[in-house]
Amino acid sequence: MSDERDTEAPPAGEQLHLPRPSLLPPILAVGLALALVGVTVSIILTVAGLAISIPALVLWIRSAREDMADLPPGH
């Protein structure tokens, strides 16, 4: 048998980037669902859903832009 399994893999050429954990995607989903249910039920639910969705979307985009700014040049 050969000892090829005992050798380690060479180092990766670049770092792996993962976004930070966030509650904003589920909050946005709840807000959009509330807004869509409100279209058929009541304008109050629609307004409440949009009041949740719009700030969540803005914050999520801002967070993604900050994550992208932290990447090294060339990514």
C-alpha atoms as a PDB file:
ATOM      1  CA  MET A   1       0.000   0.000   0.000  1.00  0.00           C
ATOM      2  CA  SER A   2       1.187   3.493  -0.651  1.00  0.00           C
ATOM      3  CA  ASP A   3       1.324   6.303   1.889  1.00  0.00           C
ATOM      4  CA  GLU A   4      -0.457   8.828  -0.340  1.00  0.00           C
ATOM      5  CA  ARG A   5      -3.317   9.132   2.118  1.00  0.00           C
ATOM      6  CA  ASP A   6      -0.976  10.365   4.830  1.00  0.00           C
ATOM      7  CA  THR A   7       0.158  13.449   2.904  1.00  0.00           C
ATOM      8  CA  GLU A   8      -1.613  16.728   3.392  1.00  0.00           C
ATOM      9  CA  ALA A   9      -3.245  18.666   0.597  1.00  0.00           C
ATOM     10  CA  PRO A  10      -1.408  21.711  -0.702  1.00  0.00           C
ATOM     11  CA  PRO A  11      -2.569  25.063   0.662  1.00  0.00           C
ATOM     12  CA  ALA A  12      -5.443  26.719  -1.115  1.00  0.00           C
ATOM     13  CA  GLY A  13      -4.674  29.485  -3.574  1.00  0.00           C
ATOM     14  CA  GLU A  14      -7.099  31.945  -2.022  1.00  0.00           C
ATOM     15  CA  GLN A  15      -9.082  32.395   1.158  1.00  0.00           C
ATOM     16  CA  LEU A  16     -12.625  31.166   1.452  1.00  0.00           C
ATOM     17  CA  HIS A  17     -15.050  33.997   2.129  1.00  0.00           C
ATOM     18  CA  LEU A  18     -18.372  33.384   3.835  1.00  0.00           C
ATOM     19  CA  PRO A  19     -20.831  36.144   4.701  1.00  0.00           C
ATOM     20  CA  ARG A  20     -21.621  36.836   8.333  1.00  0.00           C
ATOM     21  CA  PRO A  21     -24.671  35.099   9.788  1.00  0.00           C
ATOM     22  CA  SER A  22     -27.724  37.322   9.611  1.00  0.00           C
ATOM     23  CA  LEU A  23     -31.379  37.319  10.583  1.00  0.00           C
ATOM     24  CA  LEU A  24     -32.220  39.758   7.801  1.00  0.00           C
ATOM     25  CA  PRO A  25     -33.186  37.170   5.135  1.00  0.00           C
ATOM     26  CA  PRO A  26     -35.870  35.506   7.299  1.00  0.00           C
ATOM     27  CA  ILE A  27     -37.108  38.915   8.481  1.00  0.00           C
ATOM     28  CA  LEU A  28     -37.421  40.010   4.856  1.00  0.00           C
ATOM     29  CA  ALA A  29     -39.278  36.791   4.022  1.00  0.00           C
ATOM     30  CA  VAL A  30     -41.741  37.335   6.882  1.00  0.00           C
ATOM     31  CA  GLY A  31     -42.306  40.940   5.820  1.00  0.00           C
ATOM     32  CA  LEU A  32     -42.922  39.987   2.190  1.00  0.00           C
ATOM     33  CA  ALA A  33     -45.249  37.158   3.195  1.00  0.00           C
ATOM     34  CA  LEU A  34     -47.175  39.533   5.437  1.00  0.00           C
ATOM     35  CA  ALA A  35     -47.432  42.075   2.623  1.00  0.00           C
ATOM     36  CA  LEU A  36     -48.673  39.452   0.168  1.00  0.00           C
ATOM     37  CA  VAL A  37     -51.276  38.134   2.603  1.00  0.00           C
ATOM     38  CA  GLY A  38     -52.286  41.718   3.226  1.00  0.00           C
ATOM     39  CA  VAL A  39     -53.045  42.204  -0.469  1.00  0.00           C
ATOM     40  CA  THR A  40     -55.919  39.750  -0.133  1.00  0.00           C
ATOM     41  CA  VAL A  41     -56.940  40.417   3.477  1.00  0.00           C
ATOM     42  CA  SER A  42     -56.315  43.978   4.593  1.00  0.00           C
ATOM     43  CA  ILE A  43     -54.354  47.046   3.582  1.00  0.00           C
ATOM     44  CA  ILE A  44     -53.087  47.264   7.168  1.00  0.00           C
ATOM     45  CA  LEU A  45     -51.220  43.967   6.774  1.00  0.00           C
ATOM     46  CA  THR A  46     -49.781  45.155   3.480  1.00  0.00           C
ATOM     47  CA  VAL A  47     -48.480  48.362   5.041  1.00  0.00           C
ATOM     48  CA  ALA A  48     -47.085  46.449   8.025  1.00  0.00           C
ATOM     49  CA  GLY A  49     -45.386  43.936   5.728  1.00  0.00           C
ATOM     50  CA  LEU A  50     -43.826  46.691   3.659  1.00  0.00           C
ATOM     51  CA  ALA A  51     -42.759  48.523   6.819  1.00  0.00           C
ATOM     52  CA  ILE A  52     -40.846  45.368   7.791  1.00  0.00           C
ATOM     53  CA  SER A  53     -39.578  44.444   4.314  1.00  0.00           C
ATOM     54  CA  ILE A  54     -38.134  47.728   3.101  1.00  0.00           C
ATOM     55  CA  PRO A  55     -35.822  48.400   6.090  1.00  0.00           C
ATOM     56  CA  ALA A  56     -34.785  44.720   6.177  1.00  0.00           C
ATOM     57  CA  LEU A  57     -33.874  44.839   2.490  1.00  0.00           C
ATOM     58  CA  VAL A  58     -31.903  48.071   2.897  1.00  0.00           C
ATOM     59  CA  LEU A  59     -30.002  46.694   5.900  1.00  0.00           C
ATOM     60  CA  TRP A  60     -29.283  43.410   4.120  1.00  0.00           C
ATOM     61  CA  ILE A  61     -27.896  45.211   1.063  1.00  0.00           C
ATOM     62  CA  ARG A  62     -25.809  47.486   3.296  1.00  0.00           C
ATOM     63  CA  SER A  63     -24.437  44.458   5.155  1.00  0.00           C
ATOM     64  CA  ALA A  64     -23.553  42.706   1.882  1.00  0.00           C
ATOM     65  CA  ARG A  65     -21.780  45.823   0.608  1.00  0.00           C
ATOM     66  CA  GLU A  66     -19.737  46.009   3.829  1.00  0.00           C
ATOM     67  CA  ASP A  67     -18.793  42.341   3.444  1.00  0.00           C
ATOM     68  CA  MET A  68     -17.706  42.958  -0.147  1.00  0.00           C
ATOM     69  CA  ALA A  69     -15.627  45.966   0.928  1.00  0.00           C
ATOM     70  CA  ASP A  70     -13.721  43.754   3.398  1.00  0.00           C
ATOM     71  CA  LEU A  71     -12.533  41.423   0.622  1.00  0.00           C
ATOM     72  CA  PRO A  72      -9.008  41.811  -0.690  1.00  0.00           C
ATOM     73  CA  PRO A  73      -8.632  43.537  -4.089  1.00  0.00           C
ATOM     74  CA  GLY A  74      -9.260  41.324  -7.076  1.00  0.00           C
ATOM     75  CA  HIS A  75     -12.156  39.348  -5.637  1.00  0.00           C
END
